[in-house]
Amino acid sequence: MSDIVIRSFDSGDEEGVIGVILPIQREEFGVAITAADQPDLAAIADFYQSGKGGFWVAEKAGKIVGTISLKDIGNDEAALRKMFVAAEVRGKEFGVAARLLETLMAHASAVGLKTILLGTTDKFLAAHRFYEKNGFSEITAPELPASFPRMAVDTKFYRRMV
């Protein structure tokens, strides 16, 4: 586990980020989506690393193997987005997902966020279990604030107080 480093996204990480996210979306879960369909991936610093937001990567031997981000949506609320962990480093023995979430939550607390919201597809069953085990409660779409950046594929929504 100690050979995996969690750090803030830096300029130049874009290709590695896309290299983790797209295969999981497309090949593992059959979501018909491209990098072009996700313009936030071409502007990570501007889209996520502004206001109280942030974007972090997990890196192993110089290769990005995980991602997580927070999009500041105002009113001391943020949307958790782009949480992906490469198959070869999933599971408790690596702890990548837990460490990414811990980093995000520490940041959220430090910058004064009060609520973290997220949307996900009904296909990501392991993600649902992970979020629920880590203090997120399922909510309905009408409970989301108007500022929440809902994605077309989102069918399940969660909230966690900071």
N, C-alpha and C. Protein backbone atom coordinates (compact mmCIF):
# COMPACT_ATOMS: atom_id res chain seq x y z
N MET A 1 0.83 -1.20 0.00
CA MET A 1 0.00 0.00 0.00
C MET A 1 0.87 1.26 0.00
N SER A 2 2.03 1.21 0.64
CA SER A 2 2.85 2.40 0.78
C SER A 2 3.48 2.83 -0.55
N ASP A 3 3.43 1.97 -1.57
CA ASP A 3 4.00 2.37 -2.86
C ASP A 3 3.00 3.15 -3.70
N ILE A 4 1.82 3.40 -3.16
CA ILE A 4 0.82 4.21 -3.86
C ILE A 4 0.72 5.56 -3.16
N VAL A 5 0.91 6.61 -3.95
CA VAL A 5 0.91 7.97 -3.43
C VAL A 5 -0.37 8.68 -3.87
N ILE A 6 -1.01 9.37 -2.93
CA ILE A 6 -2.17 10.20 -3.24
C ILE A 6 -1.67 11.64 -3.28
N ARG A 7 -1.95 12.32 -4.38
CA ARG A 7 -1.48 13.70 -4.53
C ARG A 7 -2.47 14.51 -5.35
N SER A 8 -2.33 15.82 -5.29
CA SER A 8 -3.16 16.71 -6.10
C SER A 8 -2.82 16.55 -7.58
N PHE A 9 -3.84 16.70 -8.41
CA PHE A 9 -3.66 16.71 -9.85
C PHE A 9 -2.72 17.84 -10.24
N ASP A 10 -1.83 17.55 -11.18
CA ASP A 10 -0.93 18.56 -11.74
C ASP A 10 -1.12 18.62 -13.24
N SER A 11 -0.82 19.76 -13.81
CA SER A 11 -0.83 19.89 -15.27
C SER A 11 0.09 18.82 -15.84
N GLY A 12 -0.35 18.14 -16.86
CA GLY A 12 0.41 17.03 -17.44
C GLY A 12 -0.14 15.67 -17.05
N ASP A 13 -1.06 15.64 -16.07
CA ASP A 13 -1.66 14.38 -15.62
C ASP A 13 -2.87 13.98 -16.45
N GLU A 14 -3.32 14.83 -17.37
CA GLU A 14 -4.57 14.60 -18.09
C GLU A 14 -4.63 13.22 -18.76
N GLU A 15 -3.57 12.87 -19.48
CA GLU A 15 -3.58 11.59 -20.21
C GLU A 15 -3.70 10.41 -19.24
N GLY A 16 -3.01 10.47 -18.12
CA GLY A 16 -3.10 9.40 -17.13
C GLY A 16 -4.48 9.31 -16.50
N VAL A 17 -5.11 10.46 -16.27
CA VAL A 17 -6.46 10.49 -15.70
C VAL A 17 -7.45 9.85 -16.67
N ILE A 18 -7.39 10.27 -17.93
CA ILE A 18 -8.29 9.71 -18.95
C ILE A 18 -8.02 8.21 -19.12
N GLY A 19 -6.75 7.82 -19.00
CA GLY A 19 -6.36 6.41 -19.13
C GLY A 19 -6.94 5.52 -18.04
N VAL A 20 -7.26 6.09 -16.90
CA VAL A 20 -7.92 5.33 -15.82
C VAL A 20 -9.44 5.34 -16.01
N ILE A 21 -9.98 6.52 -16.26
CA ILE A 21 -11.43 6.70 -16.26
C ILE A 21 -12.13 6.04 -17.45
N LEU A 22 -11.68 6.32 -18.65
CA LEU A 22 -12.40 5.83 -19.84
C LEU A 22 -12.54 4.32 -19.91
N PRO A 23 -11.47 3.53 -19.69
CA PRO A 23 -11.64 2.08 -19.77
C PRO A 23 -12.64 1.54 -18.75
N ILE A 24 -12.69 2.13 -17.56
CA ILE A 24 -13.65 1.67 -16.55
C ILE A 24 -15.07 1.98 -17.02
N GLN A 25 -15.28 3.20 -17.49
CA GLN A 25 -16.62 3.59 -17.96
C GLN A 25 -17.06 2.72 -19.14
N ARG A 26 -16.19 2.60 -20.12
CA ARG A 26 -16.57 1.98 -21.39
C ARG A 26 -16.51 0.45 -21.37
N GLU A 27 -15.35 -0.09 -20.92
CA GLU A 27 -15.13 -1.53 -21.03
C GLU A 27 -15.74 -2.30 -19.87
N GLU A 28 -15.57 -1.81 -18.65
CA GLU A 28 -16.09 -2.54 -17.50
C GLU A 28 -17.61 -2.40 -17.36
N PHE A 29 -18.11 -1.19 -17.62
CA PHE A 29 -19.51 -0.93 -17.35
C PHE A 29 -20.36 -0.64 -18.58
N GLY A 30 -19.73 -0.64 -19.75
CA GLY A 30 -20.49 -0.50 -20.99
C GLY A 30 -21.19 0.84 -21.16
N VAL A 31 -20.66 1.88 -20.52
CA VAL A 31 -21.23 3.21 -20.68
C VAL A 31 -20.65 3.81 -21.97
N ALA A 32 -21.51 4.14 -22.90
CA ALA A 32 -21.08 4.69 -24.19
C ALA A 32 -20.72 6.16 -24.02
N ILE A 33 -19.47 6.40 -23.63
CA ILE A 33 -19.02 7.77 -23.35
C ILE A 33 -17.59 7.91 -23.84
N THR A 34 -17.24 9.10 -24.28
CA THR A 34 -15.88 9.38 -24.75
C THR A 34 -15.29 10.49 -23.90
N ALA A 35 -14.01 10.74 -24.09
CA ALA A 35 -13.37 11.87 -23.41
C ALA A 35 -14.02 13.18 -23.86
N ALA A 36 -14.39 13.25 -25.14
CA ALA A 36 -15.03 14.46 -25.66
C ALA A 36 -16.39 14.72 -25.00
N ASP A 37 -17.04 13.65 -24.53
CA ASP A 37 -18.33 13.80 -23.83
C ASP A 37 -18.14 14.34 -22.41
N GLN A 38 -16.89 14.42 -21.96
CA GLN A 38 -16.57 14.85 -20.60
C GLN A 38 -15.59 16.02 -20.67
N PRO A 39 -16.06 17.20 -21.06
CA PRO A 39 -15.15 18.33 -21.24
C PRO A 39 -14.41 18.73 -19.97
N ASP A 40 -14.94 18.35 -18.81
CA ASP A 40 -14.24 18.63 -17.56
C ASP A 40 -12.86 17.97 -17.53
N LEU A 41 -12.69 16.85 -18.23
CA LEU A 41 -11.40 16.15 -18.24
C LEU A 41 -10.33 16.92 -19.03
N ALA A 42 -10.75 17.82 -19.89
CA ALA A 42 -9.80 18.63 -20.65
C ALA A 42 -9.47 19.94 -19.92
N ALA A 43 -10.17 20.20 -18.80
CA ALA A 43 -9.97 21.46 -18.07
C ALA A 43 -10.05 21.20 -16.57
N ILE A 44 -9.34 20.17 -16.11
CA ILE A 44 -9.44 19.75 -14.71
C ILE A 44 -9.12 20.88 -13.74
N ALA A 45 -8.03 21.59 -13.97
CA ALA A 45 -7.64 22.66 -13.03
C ALA A 45 -8.73 23.72 -12.92
N ASP A 46 -9.25 24.17 -14.07
CA ASP A 46 -10.28 25.22 -14.06
C ASP A 46 -11.61 24.70 -13.51
N PHE A 47 -11.98 23.47 -13.88
CA PHE A 47 -13.29 22.94 -13.52
C PHE A 47 -13.35 22.49 -12.07
N TYR A 48 -12.31 21.80 -11.60
CA TYR A 48 -12.34 21.22 -10.25
C TYR A 48 -11.49 21.97 -9.22
N GLN A 49 -10.33 22.44 -9.61
CA GLN A 49 -9.41 23.03 -8.64
C GLN A 49 -9.65 24.52 -8.50
N SER A 50 -10.91 24.88 -8.28
CA SER A 50 -11.28 26.28 -8.06
C SER A 50 -12.26 26.32 -6.90
N GLY A 51 -12.39 27.49 -6.31
CA GLY A 51 -13.25 27.61 -5.13
C GLY A 51 -12.77 26.65 -4.06
N LYS A 52 -13.69 25.88 -3.51
CA LYS A 52 -13.35 24.90 -2.47
C LYS A 52 -13.16 23.50 -3.04
N GLY A 53 -13.08 23.40 -4.36
CA GLY A 53 -12.94 22.11 -5.03
C GLY A 53 -11.51 21.59 -5.03
N GLY A 54 -11.34 20.43 -5.67
CA GLY A 54 -10.02 19.82 -5.79
C GLY A 54 -10.09 18.57 -6.64
N PHE A 55 -8.93 18.11 -7.06
CA PHE A 55 -8.83 16.88 -7.86
C PHE A 55 -7.56 16.18 -7.42
N TRP A 56 -7.68 14.89 -7.09
CA TRP A 56 -6.54 14.12 -6.60
C TRP A 56 -6.37 12.86 -7.43
N VAL A 57 -5.13 12.40 -7.48
CA VAL A 57 -4.83 11.16 -8.19
C VAL A 57 -4.08 10.22 -7.24
N ALA A 58 -4.25 8.93 -7.51
CA ALA A 58 -3.44 7.91 -6.86
C ALA A 58 -2.41 7.48 -7.91
N GLU A 59 -1.16 7.42 -7.48
CA GLU A 59 -0.08 7.12 -8.41
C GLU A 59 0.75 5.96 -7.88
N LYS A 60 1.03 5.01 -8.76
CA LYS A 60 1.86 3.86 -8.41
C LYS A 60 2.95 3.74 -9.47
N ALA A 61 4.19 3.79 -9.04
CA ALA A 61 5.34 3.68 -9.94
C ALA A 61 5.22 4.65 -11.12
N GLY A 62 4.78 5.87 -10.83
CA GLY A 62 4.69 6.89 -11.86
C GLY A 62 3.46 6.82 -12.75
N LYS A 63 2.59 5.85 -12.50
CA LYS A 63 1.38 5.69 -13.32
C LYS A 63 0.15 6.04 -12.48
N ILE A 64 -0.76 6.82 -13.05
CA ILE A 64 -2.00 7.17 -12.35
C ILE A 64 -2.91 5.94 -12.36
N VAL A 65 -3.34 5.54 -11.15
CA VAL A 65 -4.18 4.35 -10.99
C VAL A 65 -5.51 4.65 -10.30
N GLY A 66 -5.75 5.91 -9.96
CA GLY A 66 -7.00 6.28 -9.32
C GLY A 66 -7.22 7.78 -9.38
N THR A 67 -8.51 8.17 -9.30
CA THR A 67 -8.86 9.59 -9.33
C THR A 67 -10.05 9.85 -8.40
N ILE A 68 -10.15 11.07 -7.94
CA ILE A 68 -11.32 11.54 -7.18
C ILE A 68 -11.32 13.06 -7.26
N SER A 69 -12.51 13.66 -7.26
CA SER A 69 -12.56 15.12 -7.33
C SER A 69 -13.75 15.67 -6.57
N LEU A 70 -13.66 16.96 -6.30
CA LEU A 70 -14.73 17.74 -5.69
C LEU A 70 -14.99 18.95 -6.56
N LYS A 71 -16.23 19.15 -6.94
CA LYS A 71 -16.64 20.34 -7.69
C LYS A 71 -17.40 21.24 -6.74
N ASP A 72 -16.86 22.43 -6.48
CA ASP A 72 -17.53 23.41 -5.63
C ASP A 72 -18.82 23.85 -6.33
N ILE A 73 -19.95 23.66 -5.65
CA ILE A 73 -21.24 24.07 -6.24
C ILE A 73 -21.89 25.19 -5.43
N GLY A 74 -21.12 25.81 -4.56
CA GLY A 74 -21.63 26.94 -3.78
C GLY A 74 -22.35 26.52 -2.52
N ASN A 75 -22.63 27.48 -1.67
CA ASN A 75 -23.38 27.26 -0.43
C ASN A 75 -22.71 26.22 0.48
N ASP A 76 -21.38 26.18 0.48
CA ASP A 76 -20.59 25.21 1.26
C ASP A 76 -20.94 23.77 0.92
N GLU A 77 -21.31 23.54 -0.34
CA GLU A 77 -21.61 22.20 -0.84
C GLU A 77 -20.68 21.91 -2.01
N ALA A 78 -20.40 20.61 -2.19
CA ALA A 78 -19.56 20.20 -3.32
C ALA A 78 -20.04 18.86 -3.83
N ALA A 79 -19.77 18.62 -5.11
CA ALA A 79 -20.12 17.35 -5.74
C ALA A 79 -18.87 16.49 -5.85
N LEU A 80 -18.95 15.27 -5.32
CA LEU A 80 -17.88 14.29 -5.48
C LEU A 80 -18.05 13.71 -6.88
N ARG A 81 -16.98 13.76 -7.67
CA ARG A 81 -17.04 13.27 -9.04
C ARG A 81 -15.76 12.52 -9.38
N LYS A 82 -15.83 11.79 -10.44
CA LYS A 82 -14.66 11.13 -11.05
C LYS A 82 -13.89 10.24 -10.08
N MET A 83 -14.61 9.47 -9.27
CA MET A 83 -13.94 8.50 -8.40
C MET A 83 -13.81 7.19 -9.17
N PHE A 84 -12.59 6.90 -9.55
CA PHE A 84 -12.28 5.69 -10.32
C PHE A 84 -10.97 5.11 -9.81
N VAL A 85 -10.93 3.78 -9.68
CA VAL A 85 -9.71 3.08 -9.26
C VAL A 85 -9.48 1.94 -10.25
N ALA A 86 -8.28 1.89 -10.80
CA ALA A 86 -7.93 0.84 -11.76
C ALA A 86 -8.07 -0.54 -11.12
N ALA A 87 -8.53 -1.51 -11.89
CA ALA A 87 -8.82 -2.86 -11.38
C ALA A 87 -7.64 -3.47 -10.65
N GLU A 88 -6.43 -3.22 -11.12
CA GLU A 88 -5.27 -3.89 -10.52
C GLU A 88 -4.91 -3.39 -9.12
N VAL A 89 -5.52 -2.29 -8.69
CA VAL A 89 -5.25 -1.79 -7.33
C VAL A 89 -6.53 -1.60 -6.53
N ARG A 90 -7.58 -2.34 -6.88
CA ARG A 90 -8.82 -2.28 -6.11
C ARG A 90 -8.76 -3.25 -4.95
N GLY A 91 -9.56 -2.97 -3.95
CA GLY A 91 -9.69 -3.87 -2.82
C GLY A 91 -9.03 -3.33 -1.57
N LYS A 92 -9.40 -3.97 -0.45
CA LYS A 92 -8.91 -3.52 0.85
C LYS A 92 -7.40 -3.64 0.99
N GLU A 93 -6.81 -4.64 0.32
CA GLU A 93 -5.36 -4.82 0.46
C GLU A 93 -4.58 -3.62 -0.06
N PHE A 94 -5.15 -2.87 -1.01
CA PHE A 94 -4.48 -1.68 -1.53
C PHE A 94 -4.99 -0.41 -0.84
N GLY A 95 -6.26 -0.36 -0.54
CA GLY A 95 -6.84 0.79 0.17
C GLY A 95 -6.87 2.08 -0.64
N VAL A 96 -6.78 1.99 -1.96
CA VAL A 96 -6.71 3.20 -2.78
C VAL A 96 -7.99 4.02 -2.68
N ALA A 97 -9.14 3.39 -2.82
CA ALA A 97 -10.41 4.13 -2.75
C ALA A 97 -10.56 4.82 -1.40
N ALA A 98 -10.27 4.09 -0.33
CA ALA A 98 -10.39 4.66 1.01
C ALA A 98 -9.44 5.85 1.19
N ARG A 99 -8.22 5.72 0.70
CA ARG A 99 -7.25 6.81 0.85
C ARG A 99 -7.64 8.02 0.00
N LEU A 100 -8.16 7.78 -1.20
CA LEU A 100 -8.64 8.90 -2.02
C LEU A 100 -9.78 9.62 -1.30
N LEU A 101 -10.74 8.87 -0.76
CA LEU A 101 -11.86 9.48 -0.06
C LEU A 101 -11.40 10.21 1.20
N GLU A 102 -10.47 9.64 1.95
CA GLU A 102 -9.94 10.31 3.14
C GLU A 102 -9.30 11.65 2.78
N THR A 103 -8.54 11.67 1.69
CA THR A 103 -7.90 12.90 1.23
C THR A 103 -8.95 13.94 0.88
N LEU A 104 -9.97 13.53 0.15
CA LEU A 104 -11.05 14.43 -0.24
C LEU A 104 -11.78 14.98 0.99
N MET A 105 -12.11 14.11 1.94
CA MET A 105 -12.85 14.54 3.13
C MET A 105 -12.00 15.47 4.01
N ALA A 106 -10.71 15.21 4.11
CA ALA A 106 -9.83 16.09 4.88
C ALA A 106 -9.80 17.48 4.24
N HIS A 107 -9.73 17.52 2.92
CA HIS A 107 -9.76 18.80 2.20
C HIS A 107 -11.09 19.50 2.44
N ALA A 108 -12.20 18.76 2.31
CA ALA A 108 -13.53 19.33 2.49
C ALA A 108 -13.66 19.98 3.87
N SER A 109 -13.18 19.29 4.88
CA SER A 109 -13.23 19.81 6.24
C SER A 109 -12.36 21.05 6.38
N ALA A 110 -11.16 21.00 5.82
CA ALA A 110 -10.21 22.11 5.94
C ALA A 110 -10.72 23.39 5.28
N VAL A 111 -11.48 23.26 4.19
CA VAL A 111 -11.96 24.45 3.48
C VAL A 111 -13.37 24.86 3.88
N GLY A 112 -13.95 24.16 4.85
CA GLY A 112 -15.24 24.57 5.39
C GLY A 112 -16.47 24.09 4.64
N LEU A 113 -16.32 23.05 3.84
CA LEU A 113 -17.51 22.50 3.20
C LEU A 113 -18.39 21.83 4.25
N LYS A 114 -19.69 21.84 4.01
CA LYS A 114 -20.63 21.24 4.96
C LYS A 114 -21.27 19.96 4.41
N THR A 115 -21.42 19.88 3.08
CA THR A 115 -22.12 18.75 2.47
C THR A 115 -21.39 18.30 1.21
N ILE A 116 -21.26 16.97 1.07
CA ILE A 116 -20.73 16.37 -0.15
C ILE A 116 -21.89 15.59 -0.78
N LEU A 117 -22.12 15.82 -2.05
CA LEU A 117 -23.18 15.14 -2.80
C LEU A 117 -22.55 14.38 -3.95
N LEU A 118 -23.20 13.32 -4.40
CA LEU A 118 -22.69 12.62 -5.57
C LEU A 118 -23.81 11.94 -6.31
N GLY A 119 -23.58 11.78 -7.59
CA GLY A 119 -24.48 11.03 -8.45
C GLY A 119 -23.71 9.90 -9.08
N THR A 120 -24.37 8.79 -9.29
CA THR A 120 -23.72 7.63 -9.89
C THR A 120 -24.75 6.84 -10.69
N THR A 121 -24.27 5.93 -11.49
CA THR A 121 -25.16 5.09 -12.26
C THR A 121 -25.55 3.87 -11.44
N ASP A 122 -26.68 3.28 -11.75
CA ASP A 122 -27.12 2.08 -11.03
C ASP A 122 -26.22 0.88 -11.31
N LYS A 123 -25.33 0.99 -12.30
CA LYS A 123 -24.43 -0.12 -12.65
C LYS A 123 -23.26 -0.26 -11.67
N PHE A 124 -22.89 0.80 -10.98
CA PHE A 124 -21.70 0.79 -10.13
C PHE A 124 -22.03 0.25 -8.73
N LEU A 125 -22.39 -1.02 -8.66
CA LEU A 125 -22.85 -1.62 -7.39
C LEU A 125 -21.79 -1.59 -6.30
N ALA A 126 -20.55 -1.90 -6.66
CA ALA A 126 -19.49 -1.87 -5.65
C ALA A 126 -19.30 -0.45 -5.12
N ALA A 127 -19.44 0.53 -5.99
CA ALA A 127 -19.33 1.93 -5.55
C ALA A 127 -20.44 2.28 -4.57
N HIS A 128 -21.66 1.79 -4.83
CA HIS A 128 -22.77 2.07 -3.90
C HIS A 128 -22.43 1.54 -2.51
N ARG A 129 -21.94 0.31 -2.45
CA ARG A 129 -21.57 -0.27 -1.15
C ARG A 129 -20.47 0.53 -0.48
N PHE A 130 -19.48 0.94 -1.25
CA PHE A 130 -18.37 1.74 -0.71
C PHE A 130 -18.89 3.05 -0.13
N TYR A 131 -19.70 3.76 -0.88
CA TYR A 131 -20.22 5.04 -0.38
C TYR A 131 -21.05 4.84 0.88
N GLU A 132 -21.90 3.84 0.89
CA GLU A 132 -22.75 3.59 2.06
C GLU A 132 -21.91 3.22 3.28
N LYS A 133 -20.86 2.43 3.10
CA LYS A 133 -19.98 2.06 4.22
C LYS A 133 -19.19 3.25 4.73
N ASN A 134 -19.07 4.28 3.90
CA ASN A 134 -18.27 5.45 4.26
C ASN A 134 -19.12 6.68 4.58
N GLY A 135 -20.33 6.44 5.09
CA GLY A 135 -21.11 7.54 5.64
C GLY A 135 -22.02 8.29 4.69
N PHE A 136 -22.14 7.83 3.45
CA PHE A 136 -23.04 8.48 2.51
C PHE A 136 -24.42 7.84 2.63
N SER A 137 -25.46 8.67 2.56
CA SER A 137 -26.84 8.20 2.60
C SER A 137 -27.48 8.47 1.26
N GLU A 138 -28.25 7.49 0.78
CA GLU A 138 -28.93 7.68 -0.49
C GLU A 138 -30.03 8.73 -0.34
N ILE A 139 -30.14 9.59 -1.34
CA ILE A 139 -31.18 10.61 -1.38
C ILE A 139 -31.86 10.54 -2.76
N THR A 140 -32.98 11.23 -2.89
CA THR A 140 -33.68 11.25 -4.17
C THR A 140 -33.23 12.47 -4.98
N ALA A 141 -33.42 12.41 -6.28
CA ALA A 141 -33.05 13.51 -7.15
C ALA A 141 -33.67 14.85 -6.73
N PRO A 142 -34.95 14.88 -6.31
CA PRO A 142 -35.52 16.16 -5.89
C PRO A 142 -34.84 16.77 -4.65
N GLU A 143 -34.10 15.97 -3.89
CA GLU A 143 -33.40 16.49 -2.71
C GLU A 143 -32.10 17.21 -3.07
N LEU A 144 -31.65 17.08 -4.32
CA LEU A 144 -30.41 17.72 -4.75
C LEU A 144 -30.62 19.23 -4.89
N PRO A 145 -29.59 20.02 -4.56
CA PRO A 145 -29.72 21.46 -4.80
C PRO A 145 -29.71 21.74 -6.30
N ALA A 146 -30.28 22.85 -6.69
CA ALA A 146 -30.34 23.23 -8.11
C ALA A 146 -28.95 23.35 -8.72
N SER A 147 -27.95 23.66 -7.90
CA SER A 147 -26.58 23.84 -8.41
C SER A 147 -25.84 22.52 -8.66
N PHE A 148 -26.43 21.39 -8.28
CA PHE A 148 -25.76 20.10 -8.45
C PHE A 148 -25.59 19.78 -9.93
N PRO A 149 -24.37 19.47 -10.37
CA PRO A 149 -24.11 19.19 -11.78
C PRO A 149 -24.48 17.75 -12.15
N ARG A 150 -25.73 17.54 -12.41
CA ARG A 150 -26.23 16.20 -12.70
C ARG A 150 -25.78 15.73 -14.08
N MET A 151 -25.29 14.49 -14.14
CA MET A 151 -24.87 13.88 -15.40
C MET A 151 -26.04 13.04 -15.93
N ALA A 152 -26.11 12.89 -17.25
CA ALA A 152 -27.20 12.14 -17.87
C ALA A 152 -27.27 10.71 -17.37
N VAL A 153 -26.11 10.10 -17.05
CA VAL A 153 -26.09 8.69 -16.62
C VAL A 153 -26.41 8.51 -15.14
N ASP A 154 -26.49 9.60 -14.38
CA ASP A 154 -26.73 9.50 -12.94
C ASP A 154 -28.17 9.06 -12.66
N THR A 155 -28.28 7.99 -11.86
CA THR A 155 -29.60 7.49 -11.48
C THR A 155 -29.72 7.30 -9.96
N LYS A 156 -28.60 7.31 -9.25
CA LYS A 156 -28.58 7.18 -7.79
C LYS A 156 -27.80 8.36 -7.23
N PHE A 157 -28.27 8.86 -6.09
CA PHE A 157 -27.65 10.05 -5.51
C PHE A 157 -27.40 9.83 -4.02
N TYR A 158 -26.30 10.40 -3.54
CA TYR A 158 -25.90 10.25 -2.16
C TYR A 158 -25.48 11.59 -1.57
N ARG A 159 -25.57 11.66 -0.24
CA ARG A 159 -25.16 12.86 0.51
C ARG A 159 -24.40 12.43 1.75
N ARG A 160 -23.37 13.21 2.09
CA ARG A 160 -22.66 13.01 3.35
C ARG A 160 -22.34 14.39 3.91
N MET A 161 -22.63 14.53 5.19
CA MET A 161 -22.29 15.78 5.86
C MET A 161 -20.80 15.72 6.24
N VAL A 162 -20.13 16.86 6.19
CA VAL A 162 -18.69 16.91 6.48
C VAL A 162 -18.49 17.05 7.97
